[in-house]
Amino acid sequence: MFRLHNTRQARQRGFTLIELMIVISIIIILMGIAIPNFQLSLLHSKETVLRSDLYAMRTAIDQYTLDKQKAPQSLSDLVTAGYMKYMPKDPITNSTDTWQTEQEDTLMAVDQTSPGIVDVHSGSSQTASDGTAYNSW
C-alpha cells in the first residue's frame, strides 16, 4: 500500500506541457502589451527632458544677453561665462553637438551692443509624439 501512494505523488508533482504552454502564452501576451507602453513612456520622458533643457538654455541666453549687453556667439559662451554648468545633451540625438542655434541681427535690449544667438532648437529631424518636429520646438 505504501508504494502505491508514493507513485501517485511522484506523478502529480510536475506540470503538464499544456499548463506550461498556457503560462508562457500569458507571459508573452502581457509582454506584448507592456513593452510598447514602456517605450512610449521613455519617449515622453525624453521629450520632457528636451523641453526642460530648451527652457534652461533659452533662459541662460536671455540672461547672458541682458547682463553682458551682447548676445552669446555660441552655446559654449553660456558655459564659460557660468550661466550653465555644462552643455546638456540633446536627449533625442544623444549629443551635445547637434543643437541648432538661431542667429539674429536685431538687438534684444536697448543697451545691447552686438547681436548673436537668440534661440536654440534640437538638431533632430524626427517627429515628436504630438506630430511636430523636434527642431521646431
N, C-alpha and C. Protein backbone atom coordinates (compact mmCIF):
# COMPACT_ATOMS: atom_id res chain seq x y z
N MET A 1 0.80 -1.19 0.00
CA MET A 1 0.00 0.00 0.00
C MET A 1 0.85 1.26 0.00
N PHE A 2 1.93 1.19 0.75
CA PHE A 2 2.78 2.37 0.88
C PHE A 2 3.41 2.76 -0.47
N ARG A 3 3.81 1.80 -1.26
CA ARG A 3 4.43 2.10 -2.56
C ARG A 3 3.43 2.68 -3.54
N LEU A 4 2.24 2.27 -3.53
CA LEU A 4 1.23 2.80 -4.42
C LEU A 4 0.99 4.29 -4.14
N HIS A 5 0.99 4.63 -2.90
CA HIS A 5 0.80 6.04 -2.51
C HIS A 5 1.97 6.91 -2.99
N ASN A 6 3.20 6.43 -2.91
CA ASN A 6 4.38 7.18 -3.36
C ASN A 6 4.39 7.37 -4.87
N THR A 7 3.98 6.41 -5.64
CA THR A 7 3.98 6.56 -7.10
C THR A 7 2.93 7.55 -7.56
N ARG A 8 1.82 7.63 -6.89
CA ARG A 8 0.81 8.64 -7.23
C ARG A 8 1.34 10.05 -6.95
N GLN A 9 2.03 10.24 -5.85
CA GLN A 9 2.59 11.55 -5.54
C GLN A 9 3.66 11.94 -6.56
N ALA A 10 4.45 10.99 -6.97
CA ALA A 10 5.51 11.28 -7.93
C ALA A 10 4.93 11.73 -9.26
N ARG A 11 3.80 11.15 -9.67
CA ARG A 11 3.19 11.53 -10.93
C ARG A 11 2.50 12.89 -10.85
N GLN A 12 2.05 13.33 -9.72
CA GLN A 12 1.29 14.56 -9.58
C GLN A 12 2.16 15.78 -9.29
N ARG A 13 3.45 15.63 -9.17
CA ARG A 13 4.31 16.75 -8.79
C ARG A 13 4.61 17.73 -9.90
N GLY A 14 4.74 17.36 -11.12
CA GLY A 14 5.16 18.25 -12.20
C GLY A 14 4.01 18.93 -12.91
N PHE A 15 4.38 19.81 -13.87
CA PHE A 15 3.39 20.49 -14.70
C PHE A 15 3.29 19.76 -16.02
N THR A 16 2.12 19.81 -16.62
CA THR A 16 1.98 19.22 -17.94
C THR A 16 2.47 20.21 -18.98
N LEU A 17 2.70 19.72 -20.17
CA LEU A 17 3.16 20.58 -21.26
C LEU A 17 2.11 21.64 -21.59
N ILE A 18 0.86 21.29 -21.55
CA ILE A 18 -0.22 22.24 -21.83
C ILE A 18 -0.22 23.38 -20.80
N GLU A 19 -0.06 23.04 -19.54
CA GLU A 19 -0.03 24.07 -18.50
C GLU A 19 1.14 25.03 -18.71
N LEU A 20 2.29 24.50 -19.02
CA LEU A 20 3.46 25.35 -19.28
C LEU A 20 3.24 26.23 -20.50
N MET A 21 2.65 25.69 -21.55
CA MET A 21 2.40 26.48 -22.76
C MET A 21 1.40 27.60 -22.49
N ILE A 22 0.40 27.35 -21.67
CA ILE A 22 -0.59 28.38 -21.33
C ILE A 22 0.08 29.50 -20.53
N VAL A 23 0.90 29.15 -19.56
CA VAL A 23 1.60 30.16 -18.75
C VAL A 23 2.54 31.00 -19.62
N ILE A 24 3.29 30.35 -20.48
CA ILE A 24 4.21 31.06 -21.36
C ILE A 24 3.44 31.97 -22.32
N SER A 25 2.32 31.51 -22.83
CA SER A 25 1.49 32.34 -23.73
C SER A 25 0.97 33.57 -23.01
N ILE A 26 0.53 33.42 -21.77
CA ILE A 26 0.05 34.56 -20.99
C ILE A 26 1.17 35.56 -20.76
N ILE A 27 2.36 35.07 -20.45
CA ILE A 27 3.52 35.95 -20.24
C ILE A 27 3.85 36.71 -21.52
N ILE A 28 3.81 36.04 -22.66
CA ILE A 28 4.12 36.69 -23.93
C ILE A 28 3.08 37.76 -24.26
N ILE A 29 1.81 37.48 -24.00
CA ILE A 29 0.75 38.47 -24.26
C ILE A 29 0.95 39.69 -23.37
N LEU A 30 1.24 39.47 -22.10
CA LEU A 30 1.46 40.60 -21.19
C LEU A 30 2.68 41.42 -21.59
N MET A 31 3.74 40.76 -22.04
CA MET A 31 4.92 41.49 -22.50
C MET A 31 4.61 42.28 -23.77
N GLY A 32 3.77 41.71 -24.63
CA GLY A 32 3.37 42.42 -25.85
C GLY A 32 2.61 43.69 -25.55
N ILE A 33 1.93 43.73 -24.43
CA ILE A 33 1.21 44.93 -24.02
C ILE A 33 2.15 45.89 -23.29
N ALA A 34 3.03 45.36 -22.46
CA ALA A 34 3.87 46.20 -21.60
C ALA A 34 5.01 46.89 -22.36
N ILE A 35 5.62 46.22 -23.30
CA ILE A 35 6.80 46.78 -23.98
C ILE A 35 6.46 48.06 -24.77
N PRO A 36 5.39 48.09 -25.58
CA PRO A 36 5.07 49.36 -26.26
C PRO A 36 4.75 50.49 -25.28
N ASN A 37 4.07 50.18 -24.18
CA ASN A 37 3.79 51.21 -23.18
C ASN A 37 5.07 51.73 -22.55
N PHE A 38 6.01 50.84 -22.30
CA PHE A 38 7.29 51.24 -21.74
C PHE A 38 8.06 52.13 -22.71
N GLN A 39 8.07 51.76 -23.99
CA GLN A 39 8.77 52.56 -24.99
C GLN A 39 8.13 53.93 -25.15
N LEU A 40 6.80 54.00 -25.05
CA LEU A 40 6.12 55.28 -25.13
C LEU A 40 6.45 56.15 -23.93
N SER A 41 6.55 55.55 -22.76
CA SER A 41 6.90 56.35 -21.57
C SER A 41 8.34 56.84 -21.66
N LEU A 42 9.25 56.05 -22.25
CA LEU A 42 10.62 56.52 -22.47
C LEU A 42 10.65 57.71 -23.43
N LEU A 43 9.85 57.64 -24.48
CA LEU A 43 9.78 58.74 -25.44
C LEU A 43 9.26 60.01 -24.76
N HIS A 44 8.22 59.87 -23.95
CA HIS A 44 7.67 61.03 -23.25
C HIS A 44 8.67 61.62 -22.27
N SER A 45 9.45 60.77 -21.63
CA SER A 45 10.46 61.29 -20.70
C SER A 45 11.55 62.04 -21.45
N LYS A 46 11.97 61.54 -22.62
CA LYS A 46 12.97 62.25 -23.43
C LYS A 46 12.42 63.60 -23.89
N GLU A 47 11.15 63.63 -24.27
CA GLU A 47 10.55 64.89 -24.70
C GLU A 47 10.46 65.89 -23.55
N THR A 48 10.19 65.39 -22.36
CA THR A 48 10.14 66.27 -21.19
C THR A 48 11.51 66.85 -20.88
N VAL A 49 12.54 66.01 -20.97
CA VAL A 49 13.91 66.48 -20.75
C VAL A 49 14.29 67.50 -21.82
N LEU A 50 13.90 67.26 -23.06
CA LEU A 50 14.20 68.20 -24.14
C LEU A 50 13.55 69.56 -23.88
N ARG A 51 12.29 69.55 -23.49
CA ARG A 51 11.60 70.81 -23.19
C ARG A 51 12.29 71.56 -22.04
N SER A 52 12.67 70.81 -21.02
CA SER A 52 13.33 71.42 -19.87
C SER A 52 14.70 72.00 -20.25
N ASP A 53 15.47 71.26 -21.04
CA ASP A 53 16.78 71.74 -21.47
C ASP A 53 16.65 72.98 -22.36
N LEU A 54 15.68 72.96 -23.26
CA LEU A 54 15.47 74.13 -24.13
C LEU A 54 15.09 75.35 -23.31
N TYR A 55 14.23 75.16 -22.31
CA TYR A 55 13.84 76.27 -21.46
C TYR A 55 15.05 76.83 -20.70
N ALA A 56 15.88 75.93 -20.15
CA ALA A 56 17.06 76.37 -19.40
C ALA A 56 18.05 77.12 -20.31
N MET A 57 18.28 76.61 -21.52
CA MET A 57 19.22 77.28 -22.42
C MET A 57 18.68 78.62 -22.90
N ARG A 58 17.39 78.69 -23.18
CA ARG A 58 16.80 79.96 -23.62
C ARG A 58 16.84 81.00 -22.50
N THR A 59 16.60 80.56 -21.28
CA THR A 59 16.70 81.47 -20.14
C THR A 59 18.13 81.96 -19.97
N ALA A 60 19.10 81.05 -20.12
CA ALA A 60 20.51 81.43 -20.00
C ALA A 60 20.91 82.39 -21.11
N ILE A 61 20.40 82.18 -22.32
CA ILE A 61 20.70 83.10 -23.44
C ILE A 61 20.17 84.49 -23.12
N ASP A 62 18.94 84.55 -22.63
CA ASP A 62 18.35 85.86 -22.29
C ASP A 62 19.12 86.55 -21.17
N GLN A 63 19.47 85.81 -20.13
CA GLN A 63 20.22 86.39 -19.01
C GLN A 63 21.59 86.88 -19.45
N TYR A 64 22.28 86.07 -20.25
CA TYR A 64 23.59 86.44 -20.77
C TYR A 64 23.48 87.74 -21.56
N THR A 65 22.47 87.80 -22.44
CA THR A 65 22.29 88.98 -23.30
C THR A 65 22.02 90.23 -22.47
N LEU A 66 21.17 90.11 -21.46
CA LEU A 66 20.84 91.27 -20.64
C LEU A 66 22.01 91.68 -19.74
N ASP A 67 22.73 90.70 -19.19
CA ASP A 67 23.84 91.02 -18.29
C ASP A 67 25.06 91.56 -19.03
N LYS A 68 25.43 90.94 -20.12
CA LYS A 68 26.66 91.31 -20.85
C LYS A 68 26.41 92.39 -21.90
N GLN A 69 25.16 92.70 -22.14
CA GLN A 69 24.76 93.67 -23.16
C GLN A 69 25.20 93.27 -24.56
N LYS A 70 25.35 91.99 -24.75
CA LYS A 70 25.60 91.42 -26.07
C LYS A 70 25.15 89.96 -26.02
N ALA A 71 24.69 89.48 -27.14
CA ALA A 71 24.21 88.11 -27.21
C ALA A 71 25.39 87.14 -27.30
N PRO A 72 25.24 85.92 -26.79
CA PRO A 72 26.33 84.95 -26.91
C PRO A 72 26.53 84.57 -28.39
N GLN A 73 27.77 84.35 -28.75
CA GLN A 73 28.08 83.99 -30.13
C GLN A 73 27.99 82.48 -30.36
N SER A 74 28.09 81.71 -29.27
CA SER A 74 27.93 80.26 -29.34
C SER A 74 27.37 79.77 -28.01
N LEU A 75 26.88 78.54 -28.00
CA LEU A 75 26.34 77.98 -26.77
C LEU A 75 27.43 77.75 -25.72
N SER A 76 28.65 77.55 -26.16
CA SER A 76 29.75 77.35 -25.21
C SER A 76 30.04 78.63 -24.42
N ASP A 77 29.65 79.79 -24.96
CA ASP A 77 29.80 81.05 -24.21
C ASP A 77 28.99 81.02 -22.92
N LEU A 78 27.85 80.33 -22.95
CA LEU A 78 26.99 80.24 -21.76
C LEU A 78 27.67 79.44 -20.65
N VAL A 79 28.42 78.44 -21.05
CA VAL A 79 29.13 77.60 -20.06
C VAL A 79 30.35 78.33 -19.53
N THR A 80 31.12 78.94 -20.41
CA THR A 80 32.35 79.62 -19.96
C THR A 80 32.04 80.84 -19.11
N ALA A 81 30.89 81.48 -19.35
CA ALA A 81 30.51 82.65 -18.55
C ALA A 81 29.81 82.26 -17.25
N GLY A 82 29.53 80.97 -17.07
CA GLY A 82 28.92 80.50 -15.82
C GLY A 82 27.41 80.53 -15.78
N TYR A 83 26.77 80.75 -16.90
CA TYR A 83 25.30 80.76 -16.93
C TYR A 83 24.74 79.35 -16.96
N MET A 84 25.54 78.40 -17.37
CA MET A 84 25.17 76.98 -17.33
C MET A 84 26.39 76.21 -16.84
N LYS A 85 26.17 75.16 -16.06
CA LYS A 85 27.30 74.37 -15.56
C LYS A 85 27.92 73.53 -16.65
N TYR A 86 27.09 73.03 -17.53
CA TYR A 86 27.57 72.20 -18.64
C TYR A 86 26.54 72.29 -19.76
N MET A 87 26.97 71.94 -20.95
CA MET A 87 26.06 71.92 -22.09
C MET A 87 25.31 70.59 -22.07
N PRO A 88 23.99 70.62 -21.96
CA PRO A 88 23.24 69.36 -21.88
C PRO A 88 23.25 68.62 -23.22
N LYS A 89 23.09 67.31 -23.15
CA LYS A 89 22.95 66.51 -24.36
C LYS A 89 21.54 66.65 -24.87
N ASP A 90 21.41 66.71 -26.18
CA ASP A 90 20.09 66.65 -26.78
C ASP A 90 19.57 65.23 -26.54
N PRO A 91 18.48 65.04 -25.79
CA PRO A 91 18.05 63.68 -25.46
C PRO A 91 17.56 62.88 -26.67
N ILE A 92 17.22 63.55 -27.74
CA ILE A 92 16.74 62.84 -28.93
C ILE A 92 17.92 62.34 -29.76
N THR A 93 18.94 63.18 -29.95
CA THR A 93 20.12 62.78 -30.74
C THR A 93 21.23 62.22 -29.86
N ASN A 94 21.13 62.42 -28.54
CA ASN A 94 22.11 61.96 -27.56
C ASN A 94 23.50 62.55 -27.83
N SER A 95 23.53 63.84 -28.19
CA SER A 95 24.79 64.51 -28.47
C SER A 95 24.70 65.98 -28.04
N THR A 96 25.83 66.55 -27.65
CA THR A 96 25.85 67.98 -27.32
C THR A 96 26.15 68.83 -28.56
N ASP A 97 26.55 68.20 -29.65
CA ASP A 97 26.97 68.94 -30.84
C ASP A 97 25.83 69.20 -31.84
N THR A 98 24.64 68.70 -31.57
CA THR A 98 23.58 68.81 -32.57
C THR A 98 22.60 69.95 -32.32
N TRP A 99 22.80 70.72 -31.27
CA TRP A 99 21.90 71.85 -31.02
C TRP A 99 21.96 72.82 -32.18
N GLN A 100 20.81 73.28 -32.64
CA GLN A 100 20.72 74.26 -33.73
C GLN A 100 20.42 75.63 -33.12
N THR A 101 21.23 76.61 -33.44
CA THR A 101 21.03 77.96 -32.88
C THR A 101 20.47 78.89 -33.95
N GLU A 102 19.74 79.88 -33.49
CA GLU A 102 19.23 80.94 -34.38
C GLU A 102 20.01 82.21 -34.10
N GLN A 103 20.66 82.71 -35.11
CA GLN A 103 21.38 83.98 -35.02
C GLN A 103 20.47 85.09 -35.53
N GLU A 104 20.44 86.20 -34.82
CA GLU A 104 19.62 87.34 -35.24
C GLU A 104 20.52 88.55 -35.39
N ASP A 105 20.14 89.40 -36.30
CA ASP A 105 20.86 90.66 -36.48
C ASP A 105 20.24 91.78 -35.66
N THR A 106 19.04 91.54 -35.15
CA THR A 106 18.37 92.58 -34.36
C THR A 106 18.82 92.49 -32.90
N LEU A 107 18.68 93.58 -32.19
CA LEU A 107 19.09 93.63 -30.80
C LEU A 107 17.89 93.37 -29.89
N MET A 108 18.11 92.61 -28.81
CA MET A 108 17.03 92.23 -27.92
C MET A 108 16.73 93.33 -26.90
N ALA A 109 17.73 94.04 -26.48
CA ALA A 109 17.55 95.10 -25.49
C ALA A 109 18.10 96.41 -26.03
N VAL A 110 17.68 97.51 -25.45
CA VAL A 110 18.11 98.84 -25.89
C VAL A 110 19.61 99.02 -25.70
N ASP A 111 20.13 98.51 -24.58
CA ASP A 111 21.55 98.70 -24.28
C ASP A 111 22.44 97.58 -24.82
N GLN A 112 21.89 96.71 -25.62
CA GLN A 112 22.67 95.60 -26.19
C GLN A 112 23.59 96.14 -27.28
N THR A 113 24.84 95.68 -27.28
CA THR A 113 25.82 96.22 -28.21
C THR A 113 26.03 95.36 -29.45
N SER A 114 25.83 94.03 -29.35
CA SER A 114 26.03 93.21 -30.55
C SER A 114 25.03 92.05 -30.58
N PRO A 115 24.59 91.69 -31.79
CA PRO A 115 23.65 90.58 -31.93
C PRO A 115 24.36 89.23 -31.82
N GLY A 116 23.60 88.18 -31.76
CA GLY A 116 24.15 86.82 -31.67
C GLY A 116 23.03 85.81 -31.57
N ILE A 117 23.23 84.80 -30.76
CA ILE A 117 22.24 83.74 -30.61
C ILE A 117 21.02 84.26 -29.85
N VAL A 118 19.84 83.97 -30.39
CA VAL A 118 18.61 84.36 -29.71
C VAL A 118 17.73 83.17 -29.36
N ASP A 119 17.97 82.03 -30.01
CA ASP A 119 17.15 80.86 -29.73
C ASP A 119 17.94 79.60 -30.05
N VAL A 120 17.46 78.49 -29.50
CA VAL A 120 18.11 77.20 -29.70
C VAL A 120 17.02 76.15 -29.92
N HIS A 121 17.33 75.17 -30.76
CA HIS A 121 16.40 74.08 -31.08
C HIS A 121 17.15 72.76 -31.10
N SER A 122 16.40 71.67 -31.04
CA SER A 122 17.00 70.35 -31.16
C SER A 122 17.50 70.16 -32.58
N GLY A 123 18.54 69.40 -32.75
CA GLY A 123 19.07 69.11 -34.08
C GLY A 123 18.42 67.93 -34.74
N SER A 124 17.45 67.31 -34.09
CA SER A 124 16.80 66.12 -34.63
C SER A 124 15.72 66.51 -35.64
N SER A 125 15.64 65.76 -36.72
CA SER A 125 14.58 65.99 -37.71
C SER A 125 13.42 65.03 -37.50
N GLN A 126 13.43 64.28 -36.41
CA GLN A 126 12.37 63.32 -36.12
C GLN A 126 11.09 64.05 -35.70
N THR A 127 9.99 63.33 -35.72
CA THR A 127 8.70 63.87 -35.34
C THR A 127 8.38 63.48 -33.90
N ALA A 128 7.88 64.42 -33.14
CA ALA A 128 7.54 64.19 -31.74
C ALA A 128 6.21 63.44 -31.63
N SER A 129 5.86 63.06 -30.42
CA SER A 129 4.62 62.33 -30.21
C SER A 129 3.39 63.19 -30.47
N ASP A 130 3.54 64.50 -30.45
CA ASP A 130 2.40 65.39 -30.75
C ASP A 130 2.30 65.73 -32.23
N GLY A 131 3.19 65.19 -33.06
CA GLY A 131 3.14 65.39 -34.51
C GLY A 131 4.02 66.51 -35.03
N THR A 132 4.64 67.28 -34.16
CA THR A 132 5.52 68.37 -34.61
C THR A 132 6.96 67.86 -34.67
N ALA A 133 7.79 68.56 -35.40
CA ALA A 133 9.20 68.19 -35.49
C ALA A 133 9.93 68.70 -34.25
N TYR A 134 10.88 67.93 -33.75
CA TYR A 134 11.65 68.35 -32.58
C TYR A 134 12.42 69.65 -32.85
N ASN A 135 12.88 69.82 -34.08
CA ASN A 135 13.66 71.03 -34.38
C ASN A 135 12.80 72.27 -34.52
N SER A 136 11.48 72.14 -34.34
CA SER A 136 10.62 73.33 -34.34
C SER A 136 10.23 73.77 -32.93
N TRP A 137 10.64 73.03 -31.94
CA TRP A 137 10.30 73.38 -30.55
C TRP A 137 11.08 74.57 -30.09
